[in-house]
C-alpha atoms as a PDB file:
ATOM      1  CA  MET A   1     -28.788 -97.477  27.881  1.00  0.00           C
ATOM      2  CA  PRO A   2     -32.068 -96.045  29.259  1.00  0.00           C
ATOM      3  CA  PRO A   3     -34.028 -93.745  26.954  1.00  0.00           C
ATOM      4  CA  ASN A   4     -33.458 -90.009  27.347  1.00  0.00           C
ATOM      5  CA  PRO A   5     -36.807 -88.448  28.345  1.00  0.00           C
ATOM      6  CA  PHE A   6     -35.752 -85.038  26.988  1.00  0.00           C
ATOM      7  CA  LEU A   7     -35.155 -86.474  23.514  1.00  0.00           C
ATOM      8  CA  LEU A   8     -38.439 -88.348  23.730  1.00  0.00           C
ATOM      9  CA  ALA A   9     -40.200 -85.113  24.677  1.00  0.00           C
ATOM     10  CA  ALA A  10     -38.618 -83.196  21.805  1.00  0.00           C
ATOM     11  CA  ASP A  11     -39.769 -85.901  19.379  1.00  0.00           C
ATOM     12  CA  ASN A  12     -43.153 -86.280  21.100  1.00  0.00           C
ATOM     13  CA  SER A  13     -42.415 -89.981  21.173  1.00  0.00           C
ATOM     14  CA  PRO A  14     -45.295 -92.304  22.109  1.00  0.00           C
ATOM     15  CA  ALA A  15     -42.800 -94.081  24.368  1.00  0.00           C
ATOM     16  CA  LEU A  16     -42.542 -91.118  26.746  1.00  0.00           C
ATOM     17  CA  LEU A  17     -45.828 -91.314  28.640  1.00  0.00           C
ATOM     18  CA  PRO A  18     -45.495 -95.045  29.402  1.00  0.00           C
ATOM     19  CA  LEU A  19     -41.963 -94.322  30.650  1.00  0.00           C
ATOM     20  CA  LEU A  20     -43.242 -91.550  32.913  1.00  0.00           C
ATOM     21  CA  ARG A  21     -46.029 -93.738  34.271  1.00  0.00           C
ATOM     22  CA  GLU A  22     -43.452 -96.338  35.218  1.00  0.00           C
ATOM     23  CA  ASN A  23     -41.296 -93.685  36.874  1.00  0.00           C
ATOM     24  CA  PRO A  24     -43.392 -90.562  37.622  1.00  0.00           C
ATOM     25  CA  ALA A  25     -40.412 -88.783  39.208  1.00  0.00           C
ATOM     26  CA  LEU A  26     -38.994 -88.296  35.711  1.00  0.00           C
ATOM     27  CA  ALA A  27     -41.870 -85.976  34.802  1.00  0.00           C
ATOM     28  CA  GLY A  28     -40.469 -83.110  36.872  1.00  0.00           C
ATOM     29  CA  GLN A  29     -36.828 -83.836  36.099  1.00  0.00           C
ATOM     30  CA  GLN A  30     -34.578 -80.918  35.091  1.00  0.00           C
ATOM     31  CA  ASP A  31     -31.146 -81.000  33.477  1.00  0.00           C
ATOM     32  CA  GLU A  32     -28.108 -79.105  34.731  1.00  0.00           C
ATOM     33  CA  HIS A  33     -29.517 -75.884  33.259  1.00  0.00           C
ATOM     34  CA  GLY A  34     -32.966 -76.320  34.756  1.00  0.00           C
ATOM     35  CA  TYR A  35     -34.475 -77.300  31.397  1.00  0.00           C
ATOM     36  CA  SER A  36     -37.467 -79.567  31.932  1.00  0.00           C
ATOM     37  CA  LEU A  37     -39.833 -81.775  29.957  1.00  0.00           C
ATOM     38  CA  LEU A  38     -42.371 -78.990  30.409  1.00  0.00           C
ATOM     39  CA  HIS A  39     -40.040 -76.508  28.691  1.00  0.00           C
ATOM     40  CA  ALA A  40     -39.451 -79.018  25.888  1.00  0.00           C
ATOM     41  CA  ALA A  41     -43.154 -79.688  25.359  1.00  0.00           C
ATOM     42  CA  ALA A  42     -43.905 -75.946  25.280  1.00  0.00           C
ATOM     43  CA  SER A  43     -41.053 -75.170  22.904  1.00  0.00           C
ATOM     44  CA  TYR A  44     -41.919 -77.957  20.457  1.00  0.00           C
ATOM     45  CA  ASN A  45     -45.673 -77.263  20.641  1.00  0.00           C
ATOM     46  CA  HIS A  46     -46.565 -80.708  21.986  1.00  0.00           C
ATOM     47  CA  LEU A  47     -49.844 -79.644  23.562  1.00  0.00           C
ATOM     48  CA  ASP A  48     -51.121 -83.029  24.736  1.00  0.00           C
ATOM     49  CA  LEU A  49     -47.796 -83.663  26.433  1.00  0.00           C
ATOM     50  CA  LEU A  50     -48.027 -80.247  28.115  1.00  0.00           C
ATOM     51  CA  ARG A  51     -51.449 -81.115  29.483  1.00  0.00           C
ATOM     52  CA  ALA A  52     -50.347 -84.553  30.638  1.00  0.00           C
ATOM     53  CA  LEU A  53     -47.283 -83.250  32.475  1.00  0.00           C
ATOM     54  CA  VAL A  54     -49.318 -80.736  34.463  1.00  0.00           C
ATOM     55  CA  GLN A  55     -52.639 -82.512  34.856  1.00  0.00           C
ATOM     56  CA  GLU A  56     -51.600 -86.171  35.127  1.00  0.00           C
ATOM     57  CA  PHE A  57     -48.117 -85.906  36.593  1.00  0.00           C
ATOM     58  CA  THR A  58     -48.721 -82.679  38.574  1.00  0.00           C
ATOM     59  CA  VAL A  59     -45.598 -80.923  37.303  1.00  0.00           C
ATOM     60  CA  ASP A  60     -45.554 -77.281  38.394  1.00  0.00           C
ATOM     61  CA  VAL A  61     -46.643 -75.268  35.361  1.00  0.00           C
ATOM     62  CA  ASN A  62     -44.387 -72.435  36.596  1.00  0.00           C
ATOM     63  CA  LEU A  63     -41.286 -74.614  36.918  1.00  0.00           C
ATOM     64  CA  ARG A  64     -38.243 -72.378  36.333  1.00  0.00           C
ATOM     65  CA  ASP A  65     -34.920 -73.024  34.645  1.00  0.00           C
ATOM     66  CA  GLU A  66     -31.544 -71.561  35.643  1.00  0.00           C
ATOM     67  CA  ASP A  67     -32.578 -68.199  34.186  1.00  0.00           C
ATOM     68  CA  GLU A  68     -35.756 -68.178  36.291  1.00  0.00           C
ATOM     69  CA  GLU A  69     -37.790 -68.645  33.099  1.00  0.00           C
ATOM     70  CA  THR A  70     -40.911 -70.787  32.949  1.00  0.00           C
ATOM     71  CA  ALA A  71     -42.150 -72.795  29.977  1.00  0.00           C
ATOM     72  CA  LEU A  72     -44.114 -69.727  28.835  1.00  0.00           C
ATOM     73  CA  PHE A  73     -40.829 -68.045  27.903  1.00  0.00           C
ATOM     74  CA  VAL A  74     -39.988 -70.692  25.288  1.00  0.00           C
ATOM     75  CA  VAL A  75     -43.305 -71.050  23.453  1.00  0.00           C
ATOM     76  CA  GLU A  76     -43.198 -70.559  19.708  1.00  0.00           C
ATOM     77  CA  THR A  77     -46.922 -70.744  18.942  1.00  0.00           C
ATOM     78  CA  VAL A  78     -50.018 -68.970  20.196  1.00  0.00           C
ATOM     79  CA  ASP A  79     -51.650 -72.354  20.786  1.00  0.00           C
ATOM     80  CA  ALA A  80     -48.952 -73.376  23.259  1.00  0.00           C
ATOM     81  CA  ALA A  81     -49.220 -70.038  25.056  1.00  0.00           C
ATOM     82  CA  LYS A  82     -52.998 -70.404  25.278  1.00  0.00           C
ATOM     83  CA  VAL A  83     -52.761 -73.901  26.742  1.00  0.00           C
ATOM     84  CA  LEU A  84     -50.262 -72.744  29.365  1.00  0.00           C
ATOM     85  CA  ILE A  85     -52.182 -69.635  30.380  1.00  0.00           C
ATOM     86  CA  GLU A  86     -55.840 -70.370  29.767  1.00  0.00           C
ATOM     87  CA  GLU A  87     -55.948 -74.109  30.522  1.00  0.00           C
ATOM     88  CA  LEU A  88     -53.074 -74.794  32.894  1.00  0.00           C
ATOM     89  CA  GLY A  89     -52.876 -71.505  34.793  1.00  0.00           C
ATOM     90  CA  ALA A  90     -49.317 -70.431  34.005  1.00  0.00           C
ATOM     91  CA  GLU A  91     -48.283 -67.165  35.650  1.00  0.00           C
ATOM     92  CA  LEU A  92     -48.478 -64.490  32.968  1.00  0.00           C
ATOM     93  CA  MET A  93     -46.462 -61.827  34.804  1.00  0.00           C
ATOM     94  CA  SER A  94     -43.630 -64.077  35.991  1.00  0.00           C
ATOM     95  CA  LYS A  95     -40.222 -62.501  35.324  1.00  0.00           C
ATOM     96  CA  GLY A  96     -36.911 -64.131  34.464  1.00  0.00           C
ATOM     97  CA  SER A  97     -33.592 -63.242  36.038  1.00  0.00           C
ATOM     98  CA  ASP A  98     -33.230 -60.383  33.530  1.00  0.00           C
ATOM     99  CA  GLY A  99     -36.422 -58.788  34.842  1.00  0.00           C
ATOM    100  CA  TYR A 100     -38.418 -59.443  31.663  1.00  0.00           C
ATOM    101  CA  THR A 101     -41.821 -61.124  31.428  1.00  0.00           C
ATOM    102  CA  ALA A 102     -42.351 -63.753  28.727  1.00  0.00           C
ATOM    103  CA  HIS A 103     -44.051 -61.139  26.559  1.00  0.00           C
ATOM    104  CA  GLN A 104     -41.202 -58.664  26.922  1.00  0.00           C
ATOM    105  CA  LYS A 105     -38.533 -61.248  26.116  1.00  0.00           C
ATOM    106  CA  ILE A 106     -40.340 -62.761  23.135  1.00  0.00           C
ATOM    107  CA  ALA A 107     -41.179 -59.304  21.778  1.00  0.00           C
ATOM    108  CA  GLU A 108     -37.570 -58.158  22.100  1.00  0.00           C
ATOM    109  CA  GLU A 109     -36.202 -61.244  20.332  1.00  0.00           C
ATOM    110  CA  GLY A 110     -38.707 -60.702  17.509  1.00  0.00           C
ATOM    111  CA  ASP A 111     -38.855 -64.294  16.274  1.00  0.00           C
ATOM    112  CA  PHE A 112     -42.503 -64.977  17.113  1.00  0.00           C
ATOM    113  CA  PRO A 113     -44.492 -61.750  16.714  1.00  0.00           C
ATOM    114  CA  GLU A 114     -47.888 -63.477  16.922  1.00  0.00           C
ATOM    115  CA  VAL A 115     -46.966 -64.978  20.282  1.00  0.00           C
ATOM    116  CA  ALA A 116     -45.678 -61.606  21.477  1.00  0.00           C
ATOM    117  CA  GLU A 117     -48.924 -59.910  20.431  1.00  0.00           C
ATOM    118  CA  TYR A 118     -51.070 -62.543  22.176  1.00  0.00           C
ATOM    119  CA  LEU A 119     -49.074 -62.137  25.379  1.00  0.00           C
ATOM    120  CA  ARG A 120     -49.263 -58.335  25.093  1.00  0.00           C
ATOM    121  CA  LEU A 121     -53.043 -58.521  24.902  1.00  0.00           C
ATOM    122  CA  LYS A 122     -53.181 -60.892  27.866  1.00  0.00           C
ATOM    123  CA  GLU A 123     -51.000 -58.532  29.917  1.00  0.00           C
ATOM    124  CA  ALA A 124     -53.268 -55.610  29.018  1.00  0.00           C
ATOM    125  CA  GLU A 125     -56.299 -57.689  30.009  1.00  0.00           C
ATOM    126  CA  HIS A 126     -54.567 -58.572  33.269  1.00  0.00           C
ATOM    127  CA  ALA A 127     -53.828 -54.909  34.012  1.00  0.00           C
ATOM    128  CA  ARG A 128     -57.438 -53.908  33.307  1.00  0.00           C
ATOM    129  CA  GLY A 129     -58.622 -56.656  35.603  1.00  0.00           C
ATOM    130  CA  LEU A 130     -56.460 -55.311  38.402  1.00  0.00           C
ATOM    131  CA  SER A 131     -57.641 -51.745  37.949  1.00  0.00           C
ATOM    132  CA  ASN A 132     -61.280 -52.857  37.774  1.00  0.00           C
ATOM    133  CA  GLY A 133     -60.910 -55.131  40.764  1.00  0.00           C
ATOM    134  CA  THR A 134     -61.795 -58.412  39.072  1.00  0.00           C
ATOM    135  CA  ASN A 135     -58.879 -60.149  40.776  1.00  0.00           C
ATOM    136  CA  GLY A 136     -59.791 -59.034  44.232  1.00  0.00           C
ATOM    137  CA  ASP A 137     -62.721 -58.521  46.564  1.00  0.00           C
ATOM    138  CA  LEU A 138     -61.505 -55.875  49.006  1.00  0.00           C
ATOM    139  CA  THR A 139     -64.041 -53.031  49.092  1.00  0.00           C
ATOM    140  CA  LEU A 140     -64.111 -49.693  50.820  1.00  0.00           C
ATOM    141  CA  ASN A 141     -67.891 -49.546  51.258  1.00  0.00           C
ATOM    142  CA  GLY A 142     -69.766 -51.623  53.782  1.00  0.00           C
ATOM    143  CA  ASP A 143     -68.446 -53.687  56.674  1.00  0.00           C
ATOM    144  CA  ASP A 144     -64.984 -54.233  55.174  1.00  0.00           C
ATOM    145  CA  HIS A 145     -63.767 -50.786  56.296  1.00  0.00           C
ATOM    146  CA  ASP A 146     -63.336 -52.201  59.833  1.00  0.00           C
ATOM    147  CA  MET A 147     -61.025 -55.005  58.688  1.00  0.00           C
ATOM    148  CA  PRO A 148     -57.766 -55.596  60.632  1.00  0.00           C
ATOM    149  CA  PRO A 149     -54.343 -54.547  59.245  1.00  0.00           C
ATOM    150  CA  LEU A 150     -53.057 -56.617  56.344  1.00  0.00           C
ATOM    151  CA  PRO A 151     -50.544 -59.371  57.255  1.00  0.00           C
ATOM    152  CA  GLU A 152     -46.917 -58.737  56.362  1.00  0.00           C
ATOM    153  CA  GLY A 153     -46.048 -59.907  52.846  1.00  0.00           C
ATOM    154  CA  LEU A 154     -49.681 -60.370  51.739  1.00  0.00           C
ATOM    155  CA  ASN A 155     -50.229 -59.748  48.026  1.00  0.00           C
ATOM    156  CA  ILE A 156     -53.667 -58.352  47.245  1.00  0.00           C
ATOM    157  CA  SER A 157     -55.618 -56.714  44.481  1.00  0.00           C
ATOM    158  CA  VAL A 158     -58.145 -54.013  45.218  1.00  0.00           C
ATOM    159  CA  SER A 159     -61.591 -53.511  43.751  1.00  0.00           C
ATOM    160  CA  THR A 160     -63.627 -50.346  43.874  1.00  0.00           C
ATOM    161  CA  VAL A 161     -67.288 -51.319  44.069  1.00  0.00           C
ATOM    162  CA  ALA A 162     -70.045 -48.814  43.426  1.00  0.00           C
ATOM    163  CA  PRO A 163     -72.258 -48.311  46.498  1.00  0.00           C
ATOM    164  CA  PRO A 164     -75.951 -49.203  46.473  1.00  0.00           C
ATOM    165  CA  GLU A 165     -78.159 -46.724  44.659  1.00  0.00           C
ATOM    166  CA  ASP A 166     -79.742 -45.471  47.866  1.00  0.00           C
ATOM    167  CA  ASP A 167     -76.387 -44.882  49.562  1.00  0.00           C
ATOM    168  CA  GLY A 168     -75.479 -41.613  47.862  1.00  0.00           C
ATOM    169  CA  ASN A 169     -71.720 -42.193  48.252  1.00  0.00           C
ATOM    170  CA  GLU A 170     -69.317 -42.639  45.345  1.00  0.00           C
ATOM    171  CA  VAL A 171     -65.797 -43.983  45.134  1.00  0.00           C
ATOM    172  CA  ASP A 172     -63.313 -41.144  45.258  1.00  0.00           C
ATOM    173  CA  PRO A 173     -62.136 -40.597  41.648  1.00  0.00           C
ATOM    174  CA  GLU A 174     -58.677 -39.668  42.935  1.00  0.00           C
ATOM    175  CA  PHE A 175     -58.404 -42.968  44.803  1.00  0.00           C
ATOM    176  CA  ARG A 176     -59.513 -44.883  41.701  1.00  0.00           C
ATOM    177  CA  ARG A 177     -56.924 -43.014  39.619  1.00  0.00           C
ATOM    178  CA  ARG A 178     -54.127 -43.815  42.084  1.00  0.00           C
ATOM    179  CA  ILE A 179     -55.110 -47.504  42.160  1.00  0.00           C
ATOM    180  CA  GLU A 180     -55.118 -47.703  38.363  1.00  0.00           C
ATOM    181  CA  GLU A 181     -51.744 -45.960  38.101  1.00  0.00           C
ATOM    182  CA  LEU A 182     -50.243 -48.321  40.675  1.00  0.00           C
ATOM    183  CA  ALA A 183     -51.614 -51.386  38.864  1.00  0.00           C
ATOM    184  CA  GLN A 184     -49.846 -50.288  35.658  1.00  0.00           C
ATOM    185  CA  ARG A 185     -46.409 -50.146  37.313  1.00  0.00           C
ATOM    186  CA  ASP A 186     -43.863 -52.788  36.318  1.00  0.00           C
ATOM    187  CA  ASP A 187     -43.027 -53.340  39.982  1.00  0.00           C
ATOM    188  CA  PHE A 188     -46.668 -53.777  41.072  1.00  0.00           C
ATOM    189  CA  HIS A 189     -46.076 -57.399  42.156  1.00  0.00           C
ATOM    190  CA  SER A 190     -42.785 -56.607  43.890  1.00  0.00           C
ATOM    191  CA  GLU A 191     -42.452 -56.132  47.640  1.00  0.00           C
ATOM    192  CA  GLU A 192     -42.225 -52.368  47.134  1.00  0.00           C
ATOM    193  CA  GLY A 193     -45.298 -52.268  44.900  1.00  0.00           C
ATOM    194  CA  GLN A 194     -47.377 -54.301  47.334  1.00  0.00           C
ATOM    195  CA  ALA A 195     -46.216 -52.103  50.225  1.00  0.00           C
ATOM    196  CA  MET A 196     -47.401 -49.036  48.302  1.00  0.00           C
ATOM    197  CA  LEU A 197     -50.728 -50.760  47.667  1.00  0.00           C
ATOM    198  CA  ARG A 198     -51.182 -51.609  51.347  1.00  0.00           C
ATOM    199  CA  GLN A 199     -50.408 -48.029  52.340  1.00  0.00           C
ATOM    200  CA  LEU A 200     -52.846 -46.660  49.758  1.00  0.00           C
ATOM    201  CA  VAL A 201     -55.613 -48.943  50.996  1.00  0.00           C
ATOM    202  CA  GLN A 202     -54.937 -48.139  54.645  1.00  0.00           C
ATOM    203  CA  ASP A 203     -55.007 -44.403  53.879  1.00  0.00           C
ATOM    204  CA  ALA A 204     -58.297 -44.790  52.027  1.00  0.00           C
ATOM    205  CA  ILE A 205     -59.829 -46.796  54.869  1.00  0.00           C
ATOM    206  CA  ALA A 206     -58.723 -44.156  57.370  1.00  0.00           C
ATOM    207  CA  ASP A 207     -60.277 -41.408  55.222  1.00  0.00           C
ATOM    208  CA  GLU A 208     -63.483 -43.429  54.883  1.00  0.00           C
ATOM    209  CA  ASN A 209     -63.797 -43.855  58.647  1.00  0.00           C
ATOM    210  CA  LEU A 210     -63.058 -40.167  59.271  1.00  0.00           C
ATOM    211  CA  THR A 211     -65.687 -39.073  56.766  1.00  0.00           C
ATOM    212  CA  ASP A 212     -68.217 -41.477  58.270  1.00  0.00           C
ATOM    213  CA  ARG A 213     -67.687 -40.007  61.749  1.00  0.00           C
ATOM    214  CA  ASN A 214     -67.943 -36.438  60.472  1.00  0.00           C
ATOM    215  CA  VAL A 215     -71.241 -36.892  58.632  1.00  0.00           C
ATOM    216  CA  ARG A 216     -73.025 -39.243  61.009  1.00  0.00           C
ATOM    217  CA  PRO A 217     -76.061 -37.444  62.529  1.00  0.00           C
ATOM    218  CA  ARG A 218     -76.032 -36.769  66.212  1.00  0.00           C
ATOM    219  CA  GLN A 219     -78.044 -39.231  68.225  1.00  0.00           C
ATOM    220  CA  ASP A 220     -79.894 -37.663  71.185  1.00  0.00           C
END
């Protein structure tokens, strides 16, 4: 009887990696419930196995089970969460079929408060990054205000960049406030949230162009 890779993963057996190298397709295998070796490695805190599955065998770090939950949802230690997010690039804001992020689910279950707190801090950091524009490079000052309409379905983040000192213009505080409020919404990454973001940006660009035309000196 061939060895069961899921049992080997749970036990962190030294026989697993040689087995996967002989048959790499097993690395991304999922059972009838969508449970994967990645989920097992995350749950049992087998960090080297986590790294090997993603980096050596190119398993999708955001592989989902039947509940649309990634390996981040089953971590039981901060170390495992850190490896997934900070080393392997797991999607922090991914939601399961119940609409909860990993942080929200783990916090609600209450079994691993340290993990929940780490994920809460990472979500807050993520939200601040969105509101400060660190995840995007769209600006409303300079040549970018003549950019074409955004493609349908494009997900973007918006930054508000201070103008050069000799410009004299400042980012509209009301626009900044509306961007920050939108970034805090639970549905920010949904189709509706992104549509609201596109409309807000397009309105701001239109206002910027109108203001520019109104204040430009007459050329004789």
